[in-house]
Amino acid sequence: MNSSVDIMVGRRLRARRRLLGYSQQNLGQACGVTFQQIHKYEAAVCRMSAVMLWKLSQVLEVDVGYFFGTLTDDEISIARRHDLAMSREIPREMSDMV
């Protein structure tokens, strides 16, 4: 399940990538991964390693803290509501496995 932090990091990644005019393909090539992997990071399907966060920050010309440091209370609240909604969608039998 996606955590609030994973969701917000993915949103920041997407926003910065678009701001600089990179496609997922371009960004993936610059970081040594596929565009599908960039898509998964942006969608918070996969967690980024510290090394990948560092690579992304270098390519996107931001400090690593960019992905974490400026989360507003509203963004955190939205992400938490998303987490709660996602947890309610898990069938009861499967929730014991998570």
PDB file of N, CA and C in Angstrom:
ATOM      1  N   MET A   1       0.841  -1.174   0.000  1.00  0.00           N
ATOM      2  CA  MET A   1       0.000   0.000   0.000  1.00  0.00           C
ATOM      3  C   MET A   1       0.893   1.246   0.000  1.00  0.00           C
ATOM      4  N   ASN A   2       0.457   2.254  -0.692  1.00  0.00           N
ATOM      5  CA  ASN A   2       1.215   3.497  -0.784  1.00  0.00           C
ATOM      6  C   ASN A   2       1.099   4.285   0.509  1.00  0.00           C
ATOM      7  N   SER A   3       2.206   4.849   0.947  1.00  0.00           N
ATOM      8  CA  SER A   3       2.160   5.706   2.119  1.00  0.00           C
ATOM      9  C   SER A   3       1.986   7.149   1.668  1.00  0.00           C
ATOM     10  N   SER A   4       1.607   8.004   2.580  1.00  0.00           N
ATOM     11  CA  SER A   4       1.437   9.426   2.285  1.00  0.00           C
ATOM     12  C   SER A   4       2.721  10.023   1.733  1.00  0.00           C
ATOM     13  N   VAL A   5       3.839   9.641   2.290  1.00  0.00           N
ATOM     14  CA  VAL A   5       5.125  10.185   1.845  1.00  0.00           C
ATOM     15  C   VAL A   5       5.422   9.734   0.418  1.00  0.00           C
ATOM     16  N   ASP A   6       5.192   8.460   0.105  1.00  0.00           N
ATOM     17  CA  ASP A   6       5.434   7.967  -1.249  1.00  0.00           C
ATOM     18  C   ASP A   6       4.593   8.733  -2.272  1.00  0.00           C
ATOM     19  N   ILE A   7       3.365   9.001  -1.920  1.00  0.00           N
ATOM     20  CA  ILE A   7       2.462   9.727  -2.815  1.00  0.00           C
ATOM     21  C   ILE A   7       2.970  11.143  -3.050  1.00  0.00           C
ATOM     22  N   MET A   8       3.360  11.814  -1.984  1.00  0.00           N
ATOM     23  CA  MET A   8       3.815  13.195  -2.123  1.00  0.00           C
ATOM     24  C   MET A   8       5.153  13.273  -2.857  1.00  0.00           C
ATOM     25  N   VAL A   9       6.051  12.338  -2.619  1.00  0.00           N
ATOM     26  CA  VAL A   9       7.323  12.324  -3.344  1.00  0.00           C
ATOM     27  C   VAL A   9       7.054  12.112  -4.837  1.00  0.00           C
ATOM     28  N   GLY A  10       6.150  11.210  -5.144  1.00  0.00           N
ATOM     29  CA  GLY A  10       5.784  10.974  -6.544  1.00  0.00           C
ATOM     30  C   GLY A  10       5.181  12.199  -7.202  1.00  0.00           C
ATOM     31  N   ARG A  11       4.355  12.920  -6.479  1.00  0.00           N
ATOM     32  CA  ARG A  11       3.748  14.146  -7.022  1.00  0.00           C
ATOM     33  C   ARG A  11       4.804  15.213  -7.252  1.00  0.00           C
ATOM     34  N   ARG A  12       5.733  15.335  -6.327  1.00  0.00           N
ATOM     35  CA  ARG A  12       6.815  16.320  -6.482  1.00  0.00           C
ATOM     36  C   ARG A  12       7.695  15.955  -7.682  1.00  0.00           C
ATOM     37  N   LEU A  13       7.971  14.673  -7.828  1.00  0.00           N
ATOM     38  CA  LEU A  13       8.760  14.206  -8.960  1.00  0.00           C
ATOM     39  C   LEU A  13       8.074  14.583 -10.270  1.00  0.00           C
ATOM     40  N   ARG A  14       6.794  14.269 -10.383  1.00  0.00           N
ATOM     41  CA  ARG A  14       6.041  14.568 -11.606  1.00  0.00           C
ATOM     42  C   ARG A  14       6.012  16.068 -11.884  1.00  0.00           C
ATOM     43  N   ALA A  15       5.757  16.857 -10.848  1.00  0.00           N
ATOM     44  CA  ALA A  15       5.669  18.307 -11.025  1.00  0.00           C
ATOM     45  C   ALA A  15       6.992  18.880 -11.527  1.00  0.00           C
ATOM     46  N   ARG A  16       8.096  18.469 -10.936  1.00  0.00           N
ATOM     47  CA  ARG A  16       9.403  18.999 -11.333  1.00  0.00           C
ATOM     48  C   ARG A  16       9.779  18.529 -12.737  1.00  0.00           C
ATOM     49  N   ARG A  17       9.487  17.264 -13.033  1.00  0.00           N
ATOM     50  CA  ARG A  17       9.782  16.728 -14.364  1.00  0.00           C
ATOM     51  C   ARG A  17       9.043  17.531 -15.427  1.00  0.00           C
ATOM     52  N   ARG A  18       7.766  17.769 -15.194  1.00  0.00           N
ATOM     53  CA  ARG A  18       6.968  18.527 -16.164  1.00  0.00           C
ATOM     54  C   ARG A  18       7.431  19.974 -16.270  1.00  0.00           C
ATOM     55  N   LEU A  19       7.786  20.567 -15.141  1.00  0.00           N
ATOM     56  CA  LEU A  19       8.262  21.945 -15.139  1.00  0.00           C
ATOM     57  C   LEU A  19       9.491  22.108 -16.028  1.00  0.00           C
ATOM     58  N   LEU A  20      10.376  21.116 -15.978  1.00  0.00           N
ATOM     59  CA  LEU A  20      11.602  21.175 -16.773  1.00  0.00           C
ATOM     60  C   LEU A  20      11.414  20.650 -18.201  1.00  0.00           C
ATOM     61  N   GLY A  21      10.224  20.138 -18.499  1.00  0.00           N
ATOM     62  CA  GLY A  21       9.930  19.672 -19.850  1.00  0.00           C
ATOM     63  C   GLY A  21      10.474  18.299 -20.195  1.00  0.00           C
ATOM     64  N   TYR A  22      10.800  17.509 -19.174  1.00  0.00           N
ATOM     65  CA  TYR A  22      11.270  16.151 -19.413  1.00  0.00           C
ATOM     66  C   TYR A  22      10.090  15.210 -19.597  1.00  0.00           C
ATOM     67  N   SER A  23      10.239  14.265 -20.509  1.00  0.00           N
ATOM     68  CA  SER A  23       9.280  13.168 -20.587  1.00  0.00           C
ATOM     69  C   SER A  23       9.719  12.110 -19.586  1.00  0.00           C
ATOM     70  N   GLN A  24       8.856  11.165 -19.311  1.00  0.00           N
ATOM     71  CA  GLN A  24       9.253  10.056 -18.443  1.00  0.00           C
ATOM     72  C   GLN A  24      10.405   9.291 -19.085  1.00  0.00           C
ATOM     73  N   GLN A  25      10.377   9.178 -20.397  1.00  0.00           N
ATOM     74  CA  GLN A  25      11.440   8.497 -21.134  1.00  0.00           C
ATOM     75  C   GLN A  25      12.774   9.215 -20.936  1.00  0.00           C
ATOM     76  N   ASN A  26      12.784  10.549 -21.121  1.00  0.00           N
ATOM     77  CA  ASN A  26      14.021  11.327 -20.955  1.00  0.00           C
ATOM     78  C   ASN A  26      14.576  11.188 -19.550  1.00  0.00           C
ATOM     79  N   LEU A  27      13.713  11.331 -18.566  1.00  0.00           N
ATOM     80  CA  LEU A  27      14.151  11.263 -17.180  1.00  0.00           C
ATOM     81  C   LEU A  27      14.672   9.872 -16.840  1.00  0.00           C
ATOM     82  N   GLY A  28      13.977   8.861 -17.307  1.00  0.00           N
ATOM     83  CA  GLY A  28      14.423   7.493 -17.068  1.00  0.00           C
ATOM     84  C   GLY A  28      15.799   7.227 -17.652  1.00  0.00           C
ATOM     85  N   GLN A  29      16.012   7.682 -18.879  1.00  0.00           N
ATOM     86  CA  GLN A  29      17.320   7.488 -19.510  1.00  0.00           C
ATOM     87  C   GLN A  29      18.422   8.189 -18.727  1.00  0.00           C
ATOM     88  N   ALA A  30      18.133   9.388 -18.269  1.00  0.00           N
ATOM     89  CA  ALA A  30      19.129  10.156 -17.520  1.00  0.00           C
ATOM     90  C   ALA A  30      19.482   9.489 -16.186  1.00  0.00           C
ATOM     91  N   CYS A  31      18.534   8.713 -15.633  1.00  0.00           N
ATOM     92  CA  CYS A  31      18.748   8.062 -14.336  1.00  0.00           C
ATOM     93  C   CYS A  31      19.068   6.576 -14.453  1.00  0.00           C
ATOM     94  N   GLY A  32      19.050   6.052 -15.670  1.00  0.00           N
ATOM     95  CA  GLY A  32      19.377   4.643 -15.865  1.00  0.00           C
ATOM     96  C   GLY A  32      18.249   3.677 -15.576  1.00  0.00           C
ATOM     97  N   VAL A  33      17.000   4.145 -15.717  1.00  0.00           N
ATOM     98  CA  VAL A  33      15.839   3.270 -15.535  1.00  0.00           C
ATOM     99  C   VAL A  33      14.885   3.470 -16.706  1.00  0.00           C
ATOM    100  N   THR A  34      13.883   2.632 -16.791  1.00  0.00           N
ATOM    101  CA  THR A  34      12.906   2.748 -17.872  1.00  0.00           C
ATOM    102  C   THR A  34      11.860   3.818 -17.564  1.00  0.00           C
ATOM    103  N   PHE A  35      11.157   4.242 -18.606  1.00  0.00           N
ATOM    104  CA  PHE A  35      10.074   5.198 -18.374  1.00  0.00           C
ATOM    105  C   PHE A  35       8.985   4.573 -17.514  1.00  0.00           C
ATOM    106  N   GLN A  36       8.818   3.254 -17.609  1.00  0.00           N
ATOM    107  CA  GLN A  36       7.820   2.586 -16.777  1.00  0.00           C
ATOM    108  C   GLN A  36       8.175   2.731 -15.300  1.00  0.00           C
ATOM    109  N   GLN A  37       9.465   2.668 -14.989  1.00  0.00           N
ATOM    110  CA  GLN A  37       9.878   2.807 -13.592  1.00  0.00           C
ATOM    111  C   GLN A  37       9.604   4.221 -13.095  1.00  0.00           C
ATOM    112  N   ILE A  38       9.869   5.232 -13.929  1.00  0.00           N
ATOM    113  CA  ILE A  38       9.562   6.615 -13.555  1.00  0.00           C
ATOM    114  C   ILE A  38       8.065   6.748 -13.314  1.00  0.00           C
ATOM    115  N   HIS A  39       7.257   6.134 -14.180  1.00  0.00           N
ATOM    116  CA  HIS A  39       5.804   6.173 -13.995  1.00  0.00           C
ATOM    117  C   HIS A  39       5.418   5.549 -12.650  1.00  0.00           C
ATOM    118  N   LYS A  40       6.029   4.432 -12.305  1.00  0.00           N
ATOM    119  CA  LYS A  40       5.728   3.771 -11.033  1.00  0.00           C
ATOM    120  C   LYS A  40       6.121   4.633  -9.843  1.00  0.00           C
ATOM    121  N   TYR A  41       7.248   5.336  -9.946  1.00  0.00           N
ATOM    122  CA  TYR A  41       7.643   6.243  -8.871  1.00  0.00           C
ATOM    123  C   TYR A  41       6.626   7.368  -8.731  1.00  0.00           C
ATOM    124  N   GLU A  42       6.216   7.943  -9.850  1.00  0.00           N
ATOM    125  CA  GLU A  42       5.271   9.050  -9.813  1.00  0.00           C
ATOM    126  C   GLU A  42       3.914   8.629  -9.279  1.00  0.00           C
ATOM    127  N   ALA A  43       3.520   7.402  -9.576  1.00  0.00           N
ATOM    128  CA  ALA A  43       2.228   6.887  -9.120  1.00  0.00           C
ATOM    129  C   ALA A  43       2.314   6.266  -7.730  1.00  0.00           C
ATOM    130  N   ALA A  44       3.490   6.284  -7.126  1.00  0.00           N
ATOM    131  CA  ALA A  44       3.732   5.719  -5.795  1.00  0.00           C
ATOM    132  C   ALA A  44       3.455   4.222  -5.751  1.00  0.00           C
ATOM    133  N   VAL A  45       3.667   3.552  -6.881  1.00  0.00           N
ATOM    134  CA  VAL A  45       3.533   2.105  -6.931  1.00  0.00           C
ATOM    135  C   VAL A  45       4.798   1.455  -6.381  1.00  0.00           C
ATOM    136  N   CYS A  46       5.935   2.094  -6.642  1.00  0.00           N
ATOM    137  CA  CYS A  46       7.234   1.619  -6.156  1.00  0.00           C
ATOM    138  C   CYS A  46       7.897   2.706  -5.331  1.00  0.00           C
ATOM    139  N   ARG A  47       8.595   2.280  -4.303  1.00  0.00           N
ATOM    140  CA  ARG A  47       9.375   3.218  -3.488  1.00  0.00           C
ATOM    141  C   ARG A  47      10.730   3.456  -4.131  1.00  0.00           C
ATOM    142  N   MET A  48      11.208   4.682  -3.975  1.00  0.00           N
ATOM    143  CA  MET A  48      12.523   5.027  -4.491  1.00  0.00           C
ATOM    144  C   MET A  48      13.582   4.770  -3.427  1.00  0.00           C
ATOM    145  N   SER A  49      14.713   4.265  -3.875  1.00  0.00           N
ATOM    146  CA  SER A  49      15.848   4.107  -2.960  1.00  0.00           C
ATOM    147  C   SER A  49      16.488   5.473  -2.741  1.00  0.00           C
ATOM    148  N   ALA A  50      17.335   5.548  -1.747  1.00  0.00           N
ATOM    149  CA  ALA A  50      18.063   6.790  -1.490  1.00  0.00           C
ATOM    150  C   ALA A  50      18.931   7.155  -2.686  1.00  0.00           C
ATOM    151  N   VAL A  51      19.537   6.163  -3.311  1.00  0.00           N
ATOM    152  CA  VAL A  51      20.375   6.420  -4.486  1.00  0.00           C
ATOM    153  C   VAL A  51      19.535   6.986  -5.625  1.00  0.00           C
ATOM    154  N   MET A  52      18.355   6.434  -5.848  1.00  0.00           N
ATOM    155  CA  MET A  52      17.501   6.934  -6.927  1.00  0.00           C
ATOM    156  C   MET A  52      17.026   8.353  -6.626  1.00  0.00           C
ATOM    157  N   LEU A  53      16.682   8.637  -5.375  1.00  0.00           N
ATOM    158  CA  LEU A  53      16.303  10.009  -5.018  1.00  0.00           C
ATOM    159  C   LEU A  53      17.451  10.968  -5.297  1.00  0.00           C
ATOM    160  N   TRP A  54      18.667  10.533  -4.997  1.00  0.00           N
ATOM    161  CA  TRP A  54      19.833  11.375  -5.253  1.00  0.00           C
ATOM    162  C   TRP A  54      20.013  11.603  -6.756  1.00  0.00           C
ATOM    163  N   LYS A  55      19.909  10.523  -7.556  1.00  0.00           N
ATOM    164  CA  LYS A  55      20.030  10.659  -9.014  1.00  0.00           C
ATOM    165  C   LYS A  55      18.972  11.608  -9.560  1.00  0.00           C
ATOM    166  N   LEU A  56      17.740  11.432  -9.122  1.00  0.00           N
ATOM    167  CA  LEU A  56      16.654  12.291  -9.594  1.00  0.00           C
ATOM    168  C   LEU A  56      16.894  13.744  -9.212  1.00  0.00           C
ATOM    169  N   SER A  57      17.369  13.963  -7.998  1.00  0.00           N
ATOM    170  CA  SER A  57      17.623  15.341  -7.568  1.00  0.00           C
ATOM    171  C   SER A  57      18.723  15.973  -8.414  1.00  0.00           C
ATOM    172  N   GLN A  58      19.726  15.190  -8.808  1.00  0.00           N
ATOM    173  CA  GLN A  58      20.798  15.715  -9.654  1.00  0.00           C
ATOM    174  C   GLN A  58      20.275  16.080 -11.041  1.00  0.00           C
ATOM    175  N   VAL A  59      19.522  15.179 -11.642  1.00  0.00           N
ATOM    176  CA  VAL A  59      18.995  15.418 -12.986  1.00  0.00           C
ATOM    177  C   VAL A  59      17.983  16.566 -12.984  1.00  0.00           C
ATOM    178  N   LEU A  60      17.153  16.619 -11.946  1.00  0.00           N
ATOM    179  CA  LEU A  60      16.107  17.649 -11.873  1.00  0.00           C
ATOM    180  C   LEU A  60      16.592  18.952 -11.237  1.00  0.00           C
ATOM    181  N   GLU A  61      17.869  18.973 -10.871  1.00  0.00           N
ATOM    182  CA  GLU A  61      18.515  20.180 -10.350  1.00  0.00           C
ATOM    183  C   GLU A  61      17.828  20.746  -9.108  1.00  0.00           C
ATOM    184  N   VAL A  62      17.555  19.838  -8.168  1.00  0.00           N
ATOM    185  CA  VAL A  62      16.985  20.235  -6.878  1.00  0.00           C
ATOM    186  C   VAL A  62      17.739  19.507  -5.775  1.00  0.00           C
ATOM    187  N   ASP A  63      17.648  20.030  -4.586  1.00  0.00           N
ATOM    188  CA  ASP A  63      18.175  19.355  -3.415  1.00  0.00           C
ATOM    189  C   ASP A  63      17.278  18.163  -3.110  1.00  0.00           C
ATOM    190  N   VAL A  64      17.827  17.107  -2.546  1.00  0.00           N
ATOM    191  CA  VAL A  64      17.019  15.930  -2.193  1.00  0.00           C
ATOM    192  C   VAL A  64      15.851  16.336  -1.293  1.00  0.00           C
ATOM    193  N   GLY A  65      16.068  17.328  -0.439  1.00  0.00           N
ATOM    194  CA  GLY A  65      15.009  17.802   0.445  1.00  0.00           C
ATOM    195  C   GLY A  65      13.796  18.349  -0.273  1.00  0.00           C
ATOM    196  N   TYR A  66      13.956  18.699  -1.543  1.00  0.00           N
ATOM    197  CA  TYR A  66      12.814  19.178  -2.334  1.00  0.00           C
ATOM    198  C   TYR A  66      11.668  18.177  -2.289  1.00  0.00           C
ATOM    199  N   PHE A  67      12.004  16.910  -2.315  1.00  0.00           N
ATOM    200  CA  PHE A  67      10.976  15.872  -2.351  1.00  0.00           C
ATOM    201  C   PHE A  67      10.232  15.725  -1.023  1.00  0.00           C
ATOM    202  N   PHE A  68      10.808  16.254   0.072  1.00  0.00           N
ATOM    203  CA  PHE A  68      10.230  16.064   1.393  1.00  0.00           C
ATOM    204  C   PHE A  68       9.918  17.361   2.132  1.00  0.00           C
ATOM    205  N   GLY A  69      10.777  18.332   2.022  1.00  0.00           N
ATOM    206  CA  GLY A  69      10.783  19.470   2.927  1.00  0.00           C
ATOM    207  C   GLY A  69       9.648  20.449   2.835  1.00  0.00           C
ATOM    208  N   THR A  70       8.938  20.482   1.742  1.00  0.00           N
ATOM    209  CA  THR A  70       7.942  21.525   1.582  1.00  0.00           C
ATOM    210  C   THR A  70       6.513  20.990   1.554  1.00  0.00           C
ATOM    211  N   LEU A  71       6.298  19.866   2.174  1.00  0.00           N
ATOM    212  CA  LEU A  71       4.942  19.334   2.238  1.00  0.00           C
ATOM    213  C   LEU A  71       4.076  20.250   3.102  1.00  0.00           C
ATOM    214  N   THR A  72       2.991  20.711   2.532  1.00  0.00           N
ATOM    215  CA  THR A  72       2.093  21.558   3.306  1.00  0.00           C
ATOM    216  C   THR A  72       1.140  20.688   4.112  1.00  0.00           C
ATOM    217  N   ASP A  73       0.521  21.291   5.106  1.00  0.00           N
ATOM    218  CA  ASP A  73      -0.463  20.555   5.907  1.00  0.00           C
ATOM    219  C   ASP A  73      -1.596  20.044   5.027  1.00  0.00           C
ATOM    220  N   ASP A  74      -2.011  20.846   4.049  1.00  0.00           N
ATOM    221  CA  ASP A  74      -3.081  20.420   3.141  1.00  0.00           C
ATOM    222  C   ASP A  74      -2.672  19.200   2.324  1.00  0.00           C
ATOM    223  N   GLU A  75      -1.430  19.195   1.814  1.00  0.00           N
ATOM    224  CA  GLU A  75      -0.955  18.062   1.029  1.00  0.00           C
ATOM    225  C   GLU A  75      -0.893  16.796   1.876  1.00  0.00           C
ATOM    226  N   ILE A  76      -0.421  16.930   3.087  1.00  0.00           N
ATOM    227  CA  ILE A  76      -0.355  15.778   3.997  1.00  0.00           C
ATOM    228  C   ILE A  76      -1.761  15.264   4.297  1.00  0.00           C
ATOM    229  N   SER A  77      -2.674  16.167   4.527  1.00  0.00           N
ATOM    230  CA  SER A  77      -4.057  15.789   4.814  1.00  0.00           C
ATOM    231  C   SER A  77      -4.686  15.053   3.632  1.00  0.00           C
ATOM    232  N   ILE A  78      -4.465  15.558   2.438  1.00  0.00           N
ATOM    233  CA  ILE A  78      -4.997  14.913   1.230  1.00  0.00           C
ATOM    234  C   ILE A  78      -4.413  13.516   1.079  1.00  0.00           C
ATOM    235  N   ALA A  79      -3.113  13.390   1.254  1.00  0.00           N
ATOM    236  CA  ALA A  79      -2.462  12.091   1.120  1.00  0.00           C
ATOM    237  C   ALA A  79      -2.974  11.106   2.170  1.00  0.00           C
ATOM    238  N   ARG A  80      -3.184  11.570   3.385  1.00  0.00           N
ATOM    239  CA  ARG A  80      -3.700  10.678   4.439  1.00  0.00           C
ATOM    240  C   ARG A  80      -5.115  10.212   4.117  1.00  0.00           C
ATOM    241  N   ARG A  81      -5.934  11.119   3.582  1.00  0.00           N
ATOM    242  CA  ARG A  81      -7.295  10.719   3.173  1.00  0.00           C
ATOM    243  C   ARG A  81      -7.223   9.673   2.073  1.00  0.00           C
ATOM    244  N   HIS A  82      -6.277   9.840   1.158  1.00  0.00           N
ATOM    245  CA  HIS A  82      -6.090   8.860   0.090  1.00  0.00           C
ATOM    246  C   HIS A  82      -5.706   7.510   0.684  1.00  0.00           C
ATOM    247  N   ASP A  83      -4.771   7.500   1.635  1.00  0.00           N
ATOM    248  CA  ASP A  83      -4.360   6.255   2.288  1.00  0.00           C
ATOM    249  C   ASP A  83      -5.552   5.568   2.951  1.00  0.00           C
ATOM    250  N   LEU A  84      -6.364   6.348   3.638  1.00  0.00           N
ATOM    251  CA  LEU A  84      -7.528   5.795   4.319  1.00  0.00           C
ATOM    252  C   LEU A  84      -8.509   5.207   3.312  1.00  0.00           C
ATOM    253  N   ALA A  85      -8.759   5.921   2.223  1.00  0.00           N
ATOM    254  CA  ALA A  85      -9.675   5.426   1.195  1.00  0.00           C
ATOM    255  C   ALA A  85      -9.148   4.136   0.583  1.00  0.00           C
ATOM    256  N   MET A  86      -7.840   4.075   0.335  1.00  0.00           N
ATOM    257  CA  MET A  86      -7.257   2.865  -0.241  1.00  0.00           C
ATOM    258  C   MET A  86      -7.372   1.688   0.724  1.00  0.00           C
ATOM    259  N   SER A  87      -7.191   1.925   2.004  1.00  0.00           N
ATOM    260  CA  SER A  87      -7.267   0.824   2.970  1.00  0.00           C
ATOM    261  C   SER A  87      -8.687   0.288   3.077  1.00  0.00           C
ATOM    262  N   ARG A  88      -9.660   1.119   2.827  1.00  0.00           N
ATOM    263  CA  ARG A  88     -11.063   0.660   2.876  1.00  0.00           C
ATOM    264  C   ARG A  88     -11.424  -0.183   1.670  1.00  0.00           C
ATOM    265  N   GLU A  89     -10.646  -0.057   0.578  1.00  0.00           N
ATOM    266  CA  GLU A  89     -10.922  -0.818  -0.630  1.00  0.00           C
ATOM    267  C   GLU A  89     -10.364  -2.225  -0.570  1.00  0.00           C
ATOM    268  N   ILE A  90      -9.502  -2.523   0.389  1.00  0.00           N
ATOM    269  CA  ILE A  90      -8.935  -3.852   0.520  1.00  0.00           C
ATOM    270  C   ILE A  90      -9.993  -4.763   1.133  1.00  0.00           C
ATOM    271  N   PRO A  91     -10.293  -5.885   0.465  1.00  0.00           N
ATOM    272  CA  PRO A  91     -11.263  -6.817   1.056  1.00  0.00           C
ATOM    273  C   PRO A  91     -10.825  -7.255   2.437  1.00  0.00           C
ATOM    274  N   ARG A  92     -11.794  -7.456   3.318  1.00  0.00           N
ATOM    275  CA  ARG A  92     -11.524  -7.781   4.714  1.00  0.00           C
ATOM    276  C   ARG A  92     -10.587  -8.980   4.864  1.00  0.00           C
ATOM    277  N   GLU A  93     -10.757 -10.021   4.035  1.00  0.00           N
ATOM    278  CA  GLU A  93      -9.920 -11.199   4.143  1.00  0.00           C
ATOM    279  C   GLU A  93      -8.460 -10.862   3.840  1.00  0.00           C
ATOM    280  N   MET A  94      -8.240  -9.953   2.911  1.00  0.00           N
ATOM    281  CA  MET A  94      -6.888  -9.602   2.513  1.00  0.00           C
ATOM    282  C   MET A  94      -6.247  -8.637   3.506  1.00  0.00           C
ATOM    283  N   SER A  95      -7.034  -7.877   4.242  1.00  0.00           N
ATOM    284  CA  SER A  95      -6.450  -6.885   5.152  1.00  0.00           C
ATOM    285  C   SER A  95      -5.622  -7.539   6.243  1.00  0.00           C
ATOM    286  N   ASP A  96      -5.902  -8.806   6.560  1.00  0.00           N
ATOM    287  CA  ASP A  96      -5.105  -9.524   7.549  1.00  0.00           C
ATOM    288  C   ASP A  96      -3.706  -9.847   7.016  1.00  0.00           C
ATOM    289  N   MET A  97      -3.591  -9.918   5.679  1.00  0.00           N
ATOM    290  CA  MET A  97      -2.313 -10.242   5.058  1.00  0.00           C
ATOM    291  C   MET A  97      -1.422  -9.021   4.921  1.00  0.00           C
ATOM    292  N   VAL A  98      -1.990  -7.822   4.925  1.00  0.00           N
ATOM    293  CA  VAL A  98      -1.223  -6.598   4.677  1.00  0.00           C
ATOM    294  C   VAL A  98      -0.459  -6.186   5.906  1.00  0.00           C
TER     295      VAL A  98
END
